[in-house]
Amino acid sequence: MDKTHHDDYWKKNISIILRVLVVWAVVSYGAGILFVDILDNIVILGFPVGFWFANQGAIYVFIGLIVYYIRAMNKLDAEYNVDE
């Protein structure tokens, strides 16, 4: 891989990482701490959404982020012919 492709690859790689980190921060800090009182006003199956999200929902989002990252990196690796 020449220098130009190498730089493009890493710019896209960092872009993917930043997107994942922004979602992670919003979910863990925003929904789990900042917006919990607002979310607690919504009740589903007898549980306030803020409580549920802080304890269970964030885990589902984090698993989704892992799946997204794997797929995005596999696609990027294939695009630059650096896949296994």
PDB file of N, CA and C in Angstrom:
ATOM      1  N   MET A   1       0.860  -1.168   0.000  1.00  0.00           N
ATOM      2  CA  MET A   1       0.000   0.000   0.000  1.00  0.00           C
ATOM      3  C   MET A   1       0.907   1.232   0.000  1.00  0.00           C
ATOM      4  N   ASP A   2       0.661   2.140  -0.929  1.00  0.00           N
ATOM      5  CA  ASP A   2       1.493   3.338  -0.986  1.00  0.00           C
ATOM      6  C   ASP A   2       1.054   4.345   0.080  1.00  0.00           C
ATOM      7  N   LYS A   3       1.806   5.403   0.208  1.00  0.00           N
ATOM      8  CA  LYS A   3       1.602   6.402   1.271  1.00  0.00           C
ATOM      9  C   LYS A   3       0.206   7.030   1.213  1.00  0.00           C
ATOM     10  N   THR A   4      -0.279   7.350   0.010  1.00  0.00           N
ATOM     11  CA  THR A   4      -1.593   7.985  -0.135  1.00  0.00           C
ATOM     12  C   THR A   4      -2.702   7.055   0.346  1.00  0.00           C
ATOM     13  N   HIS A   5      -2.646   5.791  -0.085  1.00  0.00           N
ATOM     14  CA  HIS A   5      -3.663   4.830   0.358  1.00  0.00           C
ATOM     15  C   HIS A   5      -3.560   4.577   1.859  1.00  0.00           C
ATOM     16  N   HIS A   6      -2.343   4.538   2.363  1.00  0.00           N
ATOM     17  CA  HIS A   6      -2.135   4.324   3.794  1.00  0.00           C
ATOM     18  C   HIS A   6      -2.781   5.452   4.598  1.00  0.00           C
ATOM     19  N   ASP A   7      -2.549   6.696   4.181  1.00  0.00           N
ATOM     20  CA  ASP A   7      -3.136   7.838   4.888  1.00  0.00           C
ATOM     21  C   ASP A   7      -4.659   7.840   4.800  1.00  0.00           C
ATOM     22  N   ASP A   8      -5.202   7.526   3.622  1.00  0.00           N
ATOM     23  CA  ASP A   8      -6.655   7.461   3.453  1.00  0.00           C
ATOM     24  C   ASP A   8      -7.262   6.375   4.341  1.00  0.00           C
ATOM     25  N   TYR A   9      -6.600   5.230   4.383  1.00  0.00           N
ATOM     26  CA  TYR A   9      -7.069   4.117   5.210  1.00  0.00           C
ATOM     27  C   TYR A   9      -7.161   4.553   6.676  1.00  0.00           C
ATOM     28  N   TRP A  10      -6.110   5.198   7.186  1.00  0.00           N
ATOM     29  CA  TRP A  10      -6.106   5.573   8.592  1.00  0.00           C
ATOM     30  C   TRP A  10      -7.073   6.709   8.897  1.00  0.00           C
ATOM     31  N   LYS A  11      -7.298   7.609   7.940  1.00  0.00           N
ATOM     32  CA  LYS A  11      -8.305   8.650   8.150  1.00  0.00           C
ATOM     33  C   LYS A  11      -9.692   8.033   8.281  1.00  0.00           C
ATOM     34  N   LYS A  12     -10.000   7.069   7.434  1.00  0.00           N
ATOM     35  CA  LYS A  12     -11.295   6.394   7.516  1.00  0.00           C
ATOM     36  C   LYS A  12     -11.395   5.554   8.786  1.00  0.00           C
ATOM     37  N   ASN A  13     -10.297   4.927   9.175  1.00  0.00           N
ATOM     38  CA  ASN A  13     -10.258   4.127  10.404  1.00  0.00           C
ATOM     39  C   ASN A  13     -10.540   5.022  11.615  1.00  0.00           C
ATOM     40  N   ILE A  14      -9.883   6.151  11.689  1.00  0.00           N
ATOM     41  CA  ILE A  14     -10.100   7.078  12.800  1.00  0.00           C
ATOM     42  C   ILE A  14     -11.529   7.607  12.779  1.00  0.00           C
ATOM     43  N   SER A  15     -12.085   7.845  11.606  1.00  0.00           N
ATOM     44  CA  SER A  15     -13.460   8.304  11.491  1.00  0.00           C
ATOM     45  C   SER A  15     -14.433   7.283  12.078  1.00  0.00           C
ATOM     46  N   ILE A  16     -14.218   6.021  11.771  1.00  0.00           N
ATOM     47  CA  ILE A  16     -15.066   4.951  12.325  1.00  0.00           C
ATOM     48  C   ILE A  16     -14.941   4.922  13.845  1.00  0.00           C
ATOM     49  N   ILE A  17     -13.719   5.003  14.340  1.00  0.00           N
ATOM     50  CA  ILE A  17     -13.491   4.968  15.788  1.00  0.00           C
ATOM     51  C   ILE A  17     -14.167   6.151  16.469  1.00  0.00           C
ATOM     52  N   LEU A  18     -14.056   7.332  15.888  1.00  0.00           N
ATOM     53  CA  LEU A  18     -14.686   8.520  16.489  1.00  0.00           C
ATOM     54  C   LEU A  18     -16.207   8.404  16.520  1.00  0.00           C
ATOM     55  N   ARG A  19     -16.798   7.861  15.457  1.00  0.00           N
ATOM     56  CA  ARG A  19     -18.258   7.667  15.458  1.00  0.00           C
ATOM     57  C   ARG A  19     -18.673   6.727  16.580  1.00  0.00           C
ATOM     58  N   VAL A  20     -17.948   5.635  16.740  1.00  0.00           N
ATOM     59  CA  VAL A  20     -18.267   4.670  17.796  1.00  0.00           C
ATOM     60  C   VAL A  20     -18.105   5.318  19.167  1.00  0.00           C
ATOM     61  N   LEU A  21     -17.037   6.080  19.356  1.00  0.00           N
ATOM     62  CA  LEU A  21     -16.810   6.713  20.654  1.00  0.00           C
ATOM     63  C   LEU A  21     -17.857   7.775  20.986  1.00  0.00           C
ATOM     64  N   VAL A  22     -18.325   8.505  19.981  1.00  0.00           N
ATOM     65  CA  VAL A  22     -19.359   9.514  20.229  1.00  0.00           C
ATOM     66  C   VAL A  22     -20.657   8.839  20.681  1.00  0.00           C
ATOM     67  N   VAL A  23     -21.051   7.781  19.992  1.00  0.00           N
ATOM     68  CA  VAL A  23     -22.259   7.051  20.385  1.00  0.00           C
ATOM     69  C   VAL A  23     -22.082   6.472  21.786  1.00  0.00           C
ATOM     70  N   TRP A  24     -20.913   5.890  22.047  1.00  0.00           N
ATOM     71  CA  TRP A  24     -20.630   5.316  23.363  1.00  0.00           C
ATOM     72  C   TRP A  24     -20.752   6.381  24.453  1.00  0.00           C
ATOM     73  N   ALA A  25     -20.185   7.566  24.215  1.00  0.00           N
ATOM     74  CA  ALA A  25     -20.217   8.633  25.216  1.00  0.00           C
ATOM     75  C   ALA A  25     -21.637   9.138  25.450  1.00  0.00           C
ATOM     76  N   VAL A  26     -22.388   9.324  24.368  1.00  0.00           N
ATOM     77  CA  VAL A  26     -23.768   9.813  24.505  1.00  0.00           C
ATOM     78  C   VAL A  26     -24.616   8.799  25.264  1.00  0.00           C
ATOM     79  N   VAL A  27     -24.450   7.532  24.945  1.00  0.00           N
ATOM     80  CA  VAL A  27     -25.247   6.495  25.604  1.00  0.00           C
ATOM     81  C   VAL A  27     -24.847   6.340  27.065  1.00  0.00           C
ATOM     82  N   SER A  28     -23.561   6.224  27.331  1.00  0.00           N
ATOM     83  CA  SER A  28     -23.141   5.958  28.709  1.00  0.00           C
ATOM     84  C   SER A  28     -23.282   7.178  29.598  1.00  0.00           C
ATOM     85  N   TYR A  29     -22.873   8.329  29.127  1.00  0.00           N
ATOM     86  CA  TYR A  29     -22.938   9.531  29.964  1.00  0.00           C
ATOM     87  C   TYR A  29     -24.289  10.242  29.833  1.00  0.00           C
ATOM     88  N   GLY A  30     -24.746  10.378  28.597  1.00  0.00           N
ATOM     89  CA  GLY A  30     -25.995  11.099  28.375  1.00  0.00           C
ATOM     90  C   GLY A  30     -27.204  10.368  28.914  1.00  0.00           C
ATOM     91  N   ALA A  31     -27.471   9.185  28.376  1.00  0.00           N
ATOM     92  CA  ALA A  31     -28.670   8.442  28.770  1.00  0.00           C
ATOM     93  C   ALA A  31     -28.542   7.863  30.170  1.00  0.00           C
ATOM     94  N   GLY A  32     -27.328   7.510  30.578  1.00  0.00           N
ATOM     95  CA  GLY A  32     -27.145   6.885  31.885  1.00  0.00           C
ATOM     96  C   GLY A  32     -27.062   7.864  33.033  1.00  0.00           C
ATOM     97  N   ILE A  33     -26.673   9.131  32.749  1.00  0.00           N
ATOM     98  CA  ILE A  33     -26.474  10.095  33.831  1.00  0.00           C
ATOM     99  C   ILE A  33     -27.259  11.385  33.601  1.00  0.00           C
ATOM    100  N   LEU A  34     -27.017  12.054  32.477  1.00  0.00           N
ATOM    101  CA  LEU A  34     -27.599  13.382  32.256  1.00  0.00           C
ATOM    102  C   LEU A  34     -29.106  13.366  32.037  1.00  0.00           C
ATOM    103  N   PHE A  35     -29.582  12.444  31.218  1.00  0.00           N
ATOM    104  CA  PHE A  35     -30.992  12.444  30.833  1.00  0.00           C
ATOM    105  C   PHE A  35     -31.824  11.402  31.578  1.00  0.00           C
ATOM    106  N   VAL A  36     -31.278  10.828  32.625  1.00  0.00           N
ATOM    107  CA  VAL A  36     -31.984   9.757  33.329  1.00  0.00           C
ATOM    108  C   VAL A  36     -33.288  10.267  33.946  1.00  0.00           C
ATOM    109  N   ASP A  37     -33.300  11.469  34.473  1.00  0.00           N
ATOM    110  CA  ASP A  37     -34.527  12.000  35.086  1.00  0.00           C
ATOM    111  C   ASP A  37     -35.622  12.208  34.045  1.00  0.00           C
ATOM    112  N   ILE A  38     -35.242  12.697  32.882  1.00  0.00           N
ATOM    113  CA  ILE A  38     -36.209  12.883  31.798  1.00  0.00           C
ATOM    114  C   ILE A  38     -36.738  11.530  31.330  1.00  0.00           C
ATOM    115  N   LEU A  39     -35.820  10.585  31.153  1.00  0.00           N
ATOM    116  CA  LEU A  39     -36.216   9.250  30.683  1.00  0.00           C
ATOM    117  C   LEU A  39     -37.047   8.503  31.717  1.00  0.00           C
ATOM    118  N   ASP A  40     -36.850   8.801  32.990  1.00  0.00           N
ATOM    119  CA  ASP A  40     -37.632   8.127  34.036  1.00  0.00           C
ATOM    120  C   ASP A  40     -39.109   8.502  34.000  1.00  0.00           C
ATOM    121  N   ASN A  41     -39.469   9.578  33.311  1.00  0.00           N
ATOM    122  CA  ASN A  41     -40.868   9.957  33.176  1.00  0.00           C
ATOM    123  C   ASN A  41     -41.625   9.009  32.256  1.00  0.00           C
ATOM    124  N   ILE A  42     -40.905   8.224  31.477  1.00  0.00           N
ATOM    125  CA  ILE A  42     -41.513   7.237  30.582  1.00  0.00           C
ATOM    126  C   ILE A  42     -41.416   5.880  31.265  1.00  0.00           C
ATOM    127  N   VAL A  43     -42.549   5.198  31.380  1.00  0.00           N
ATOM    128  CA  VAL A  43     -42.581   3.889  32.046  1.00  0.00           C
ATOM    129  C   VAL A  43     -43.008   2.832  31.031  1.00  0.00           C
ATOM    130  N   ILE A  44     -42.205   1.779  30.916  1.00  0.00           N
ATOM    131  CA  ILE A  44     -42.530   0.649  30.043  1.00  0.00           C
ATOM    132  C   ILE A  44     -42.469  -0.623  30.879  1.00  0.00           C
ATOM    133  N   LEU A  45     -43.545  -1.384  30.862  1.00  0.00           N
ATOM    134  CA  LEU A  45     -43.664  -2.634  31.634  1.00  0.00           C
ATOM    135  C   LEU A  45     -43.368  -2.423  33.116  1.00  0.00           C
ATOM    136  N   GLY A  46     -43.746  -1.256  33.625  1.00  0.00           N
ATOM    137  CA  GLY A  46     -43.600  -0.984  35.045  1.00  0.00           C
ATOM    138  C   GLY A  46     -42.242  -0.451  35.459  1.00  0.00           C
ATOM    139  N   PHE A  47     -41.324  -0.299  34.516  1.00  0.00           N
ATOM    140  CA  PHE A  47     -39.998   0.207  34.846  1.00  0.00           C
ATOM    141  C   PHE A  47     -39.752   1.539  34.161  1.00  0.00           C
ATOM    142  N   PRO A  48     -39.166   2.494  34.870  1.00  0.00           N
ATOM    143  CA  PRO A  48     -38.807   3.760  34.230  1.00  0.00           C
ATOM    144  C   PRO A  48     -37.714   3.517  33.182  1.00  0.00           C
ATOM    145  N   VAL A  49     -37.852   4.170  32.032  1.00  0.00           N
ATOM    146  CA  VAL A  49     -36.918   3.947  30.930  1.00  0.00           C
ATOM    147  C   VAL A  49     -35.491   4.349  31.310  1.00  0.00           C
ATOM    148  N   GLY A  50     -35.344   5.416  32.088  1.00  0.00           N
ATOM    149  CA  GLY A  50     -34.004   5.837  32.511  1.00  0.00           C
ATOM    150  C   GLY A  50     -33.307   4.764  33.319  1.00  0.00           C
ATOM    151  N   PHE A  51     -34.039   4.158  34.247  1.00  0.00           N
ATOM    152  CA  PHE A  51     -33.476   3.072  35.053  1.00  0.00           C
ATOM    153  C   PHE A  51     -33.117   1.888  34.174  1.00  0.00           C
ATOM    154  N   TRP A  52     -34.048   1.497  33.295  1.00  0.00           N
ATOM    155  CA  TRP A  52     -33.794   0.347  32.413  1.00  0.00           C
ATOM    156  C   TRP A  52     -32.601   0.613  31.518  1.00  0.00           C
ATOM    157  N   PHE A  53     -32.550   1.806  30.927  1.00  0.00           N
ATOM    158  CA  PHE A  53     -31.480   2.111  29.981  1.00  0.00           C
ATOM    159  C   PHE A  53     -30.132   2.131  30.675  1.00  0.00           C
ATOM    160  N   ALA A  54     -30.066   2.697  31.857  1.00  0.00           N
ATOM    161  CA  ALA A  54     -28.800   2.766  32.583  1.00  0.00           C
ATOM    162  C   ALA A  54     -28.317   1.376  32.985  1.00  0.00           C
ATOM    163  N   ASN A  55     -29.235   0.442  33.198  1.00  0.00           N
ATOM    164  CA  ASN A  55     -28.856  -0.877  33.676  1.00  0.00           C
ATOM    165  C   ASN A  55     -28.801  -1.948  32.590  1.00  0.00           C
ATOM    166  N   GLN A  56     -29.644  -1.855  31.588  1.00  0.00           N
ATOM    167  CA  GLN A  56     -29.700  -2.899  30.566  1.00  0.00           C
ATOM    168  C   GLN A  56     -29.533  -2.371  29.148  1.00  0.00           C
ATOM    169  N   GLY A  57     -30.210  -1.286  28.817  1.00  0.00           N
ATOM    170  CA  GLY A  57     -30.242  -0.785  27.447  1.00  0.00           C
ATOM    171  C   GLY A  57     -28.883  -0.402  26.902  1.00  0.00           C
ATOM    172  N   ALA A  58     -28.049   0.186  27.754  1.00  0.00           N
ATOM    173  CA  ALA A  58     -26.723   0.591  27.313  1.00  0.00           C
ATOM    174  C   ALA A  58     -25.903  -0.615  26.867  1.00  0.00           C
ATOM    175  N   ILE A  59     -26.086  -1.740  27.520  1.00  0.00           N
ATOM    176  CA  ILE A  59     -25.344  -2.951  27.153  1.00  0.00           C
ATOM    177  C   ILE A  59     -25.702  -3.374  25.736  1.00  0.00           C
ATOM    178  N   TYR A  60     -26.985  -3.306  25.386  1.00  0.00           N
ATOM    179  CA  TYR A  60     -27.405  -3.660  24.027  1.00  0.00           C
ATOM    180  C   TYR A  60     -26.797  -2.714  22.991  1.00  0.00           C
ATOM    181  N   VAL A  61     -26.755  -1.434  23.330  1.00  0.00           N
ATOM    182  CA  VAL A  61     -26.138  -0.465  22.416  1.00  0.00           C
ATOM    183  C   VAL A  61     -24.655  -0.763  22.258  1.00  0.00           C
ATOM    184  N   PHE A  62     -23.973  -1.093  23.333  1.00  0.00           N
ATOM    185  CA  PHE A  62     -22.535  -1.379  23.266  1.00  0.00           C
ATOM    186  C   PHE A  62     -22.264  -2.625  22.421  1.00  0.00           C
ATOM    187  N   ILE A  63     -23.100  -3.632  22.550  1.00  0.00           N
ATOM    188  CA  ILE A  63     -22.950  -4.826  21.712  1.00  0.00           C
ATOM    189  C   ILE A  63     -23.179  -4.463  20.245  1.00  0.00           C
ATOM    190  N   GLY A  64     -24.173  -3.618  19.999  1.00  0.00           N
ATOM    191  CA  GLY A  64     -24.413  -3.142  18.639  1.00  0.00           C
ATOM    192  C   GLY A  64     -23.226  -2.365  18.086  1.00  0.00           C
ATOM    193  N   LEU A  65     -22.575  -1.574  18.930  1.00  0.00           N
ATOM    194  CA  LEU A  65     -21.387  -0.839  18.494  1.00  0.00           C
ATOM    195  C   LEU A  65     -20.252  -1.782  18.118  1.00  0.00           C
ATOM    196  N   ILE A  66     -20.097  -2.851  18.866  1.00  0.00           N
ATOM    197  CA  ILE A  66     -19.058  -3.836  18.549  1.00  0.00           C
ATOM    198  C   ILE A  66     -19.333  -4.462  17.186  1.00  0.00           C
ATOM    199  N   VAL A  67     -20.581  -4.857  16.966  1.00  0.00           N
ATOM    200  CA  VAL A  67     -20.956  -5.463  15.680  1.00  0.00           C
ATOM    201  C   VAL A  67     -20.740  -4.465  14.545  1.00  0.00           C
ATOM    202  N   TYR A  68     -21.152  -3.207  14.748  1.00  0.00           N
ATOM    203  CA  TYR A  68     -20.948  -2.173  13.732  1.00  0.00           C
ATOM    204  C   TYR A  68     -19.463  -2.000  13.421  1.00  0.00           C
ATOM    205  N   TYR A  69     -18.636  -1.921  14.459  1.00  0.00           N
ATOM    206  CA  TYR A  69     -17.200  -1.711  14.268  1.00  0.00           C
ATOM    207  C   TYR A  69     -16.569  -2.868  13.492  1.00  0.00           C
ATOM    208  N   ILE A  70     -16.943  -4.083  13.833  1.00  0.00           N
ATOM    209  CA  ILE A  70     -16.404  -5.250  13.126  1.00  0.00           C
ATOM    210  C   ILE A  70     -16.766  -5.196  11.651  1.00  0.00           C
ATOM    211  N   ARG A  71     -18.026  -4.935  11.362  1.00  0.00           N
ATOM    212  CA  ARG A  71     -18.463  -4.888   9.961  1.00  0.00           C
ATOM    213  C   ARG A  71     -17.814  -3.736   9.202  1.00  0.00           C
ATOM    214  N   ALA A  72     -17.746  -2.563   9.833  1.00  0.00           N
ATOM    215  CA  ALA A  72     -17.154  -1.400   9.172  1.00  0.00           C
ATOM    216  C   ALA A  72     -15.668  -1.619   8.894  1.00  0.00           C
ATOM    217  N   MET A  73     -14.963  -2.215   9.842  1.00  0.00           N
ATOM    218  CA  MET A  73     -13.531  -2.445   9.636  1.00  0.00           C
ATOM    219  C   MET A  73     -13.287  -3.552   8.616  1.00  0.00           C
ATOM    220  N   ASN A  74     -14.107  -4.576   8.603  1.00  0.00           N
ATOM    221  CA  ASN A  74     -13.963  -5.616   7.580  1.00  0.00           C
ATOM    222  C   ASN A  74     -14.185  -5.035   6.183  1.00  0.00           C
ATOM    223  N   LYS A  75     -15.180  -4.159   6.061  1.00  0.00           N
ATOM    224  CA  LYS A  75     -15.450  -3.514   4.779  1.00  0.00           C
ATOM    225  C   LYS A  75     -14.287  -2.607   4.380  1.00  0.00           C
ATOM    226  N   LEU A  76     -13.760  -1.842   5.317  1.00  0.00           N
ATOM    227  CA  LEU A  76     -12.633  -0.956   5.040  1.00  0.00           C
ATOM    228  C   LEU A  76     -11.389  -1.757   4.668  1.00  0.00           C
ATOM    229  N   ASP A  77     -11.127  -2.831   5.392  1.00  0.00           N
ATOM    230  CA  ASP A  77      -9.973  -3.669   5.077  1.00  0.00           C
ATOM    231  C   ASP A  77     -10.083  -4.264   3.680  1.00  0.00           C
ATOM    232  N   ALA A  78     -11.272  -4.694   3.323  1.00  0.00           N
ATOM    233  CA  ALA A  78     -11.479  -5.257   1.987  1.00  0.00           C
ATOM    234  C   ALA A  78     -11.314  -4.183   0.901  1.00  0.00           C
ATOM    235  N   GLU A  79     -11.786  -2.974   1.200  1.00  0.00           N
ATOM    236  CA  GLU A  79     -11.671  -1.871   0.246  1.00  0.00           C
ATOM    237  C   GLU A  79     -10.208  -1.530  -0.048  1.00  0.00           C
ATOM    238  N   TYR A  80      -9.355  -1.618   0.958  1.00  0.00           N
ATOM    239  CA  TYR A  80      -7.933  -1.291   0.767  1.00  0.00           C
ATOM    240  C   TYR A  80      -7.061  -2.532   0.615  1.00  0.00           C
ATOM    241  N   ASN A  81      -7.706  -3.679   0.464  1.00  0.00           N
ATOM    242  CA  ASN A  81      -7.016  -4.938   0.223  1.00  0.00           C
ATOM    243  C   ASN A  81      -6.002  -5.279   1.321  1.00  0.00           C
ATOM    244  N   VAL A  82      -6.394  -5.050   2.554  1.00  0.00           N
ATOM    245  CA  VAL A  82      -5.552  -5.425   3.693  1.00  0.00           C
ATOM    246  C   VAL A  82      -6.269  -6.432   4.592  1.00  0.00           C
ATOM    247  N   ASP A  83      -7.309  -7.064   4.037  1.00  0.00           N
ATOM    248  CA  ASP A  83      -8.046  -8.048   4.830  1.00  0.00           C
ATOM    249  C   ASP A  83      -7.253  -9.348   4.892  1.00  0.00           C
ATOM    250  N   GLU A  84      -7.667 -10.185   5.809  1.00  0.00           N
ATOM    251  CA  GLU A  84      -6.950 -11.438   6.026  1.00  0.00           C
ATOM    252  C   GLU A  84      -7.225 -12.453   4.950  1.00  0.00           C
TER     253      GLU A  84
END
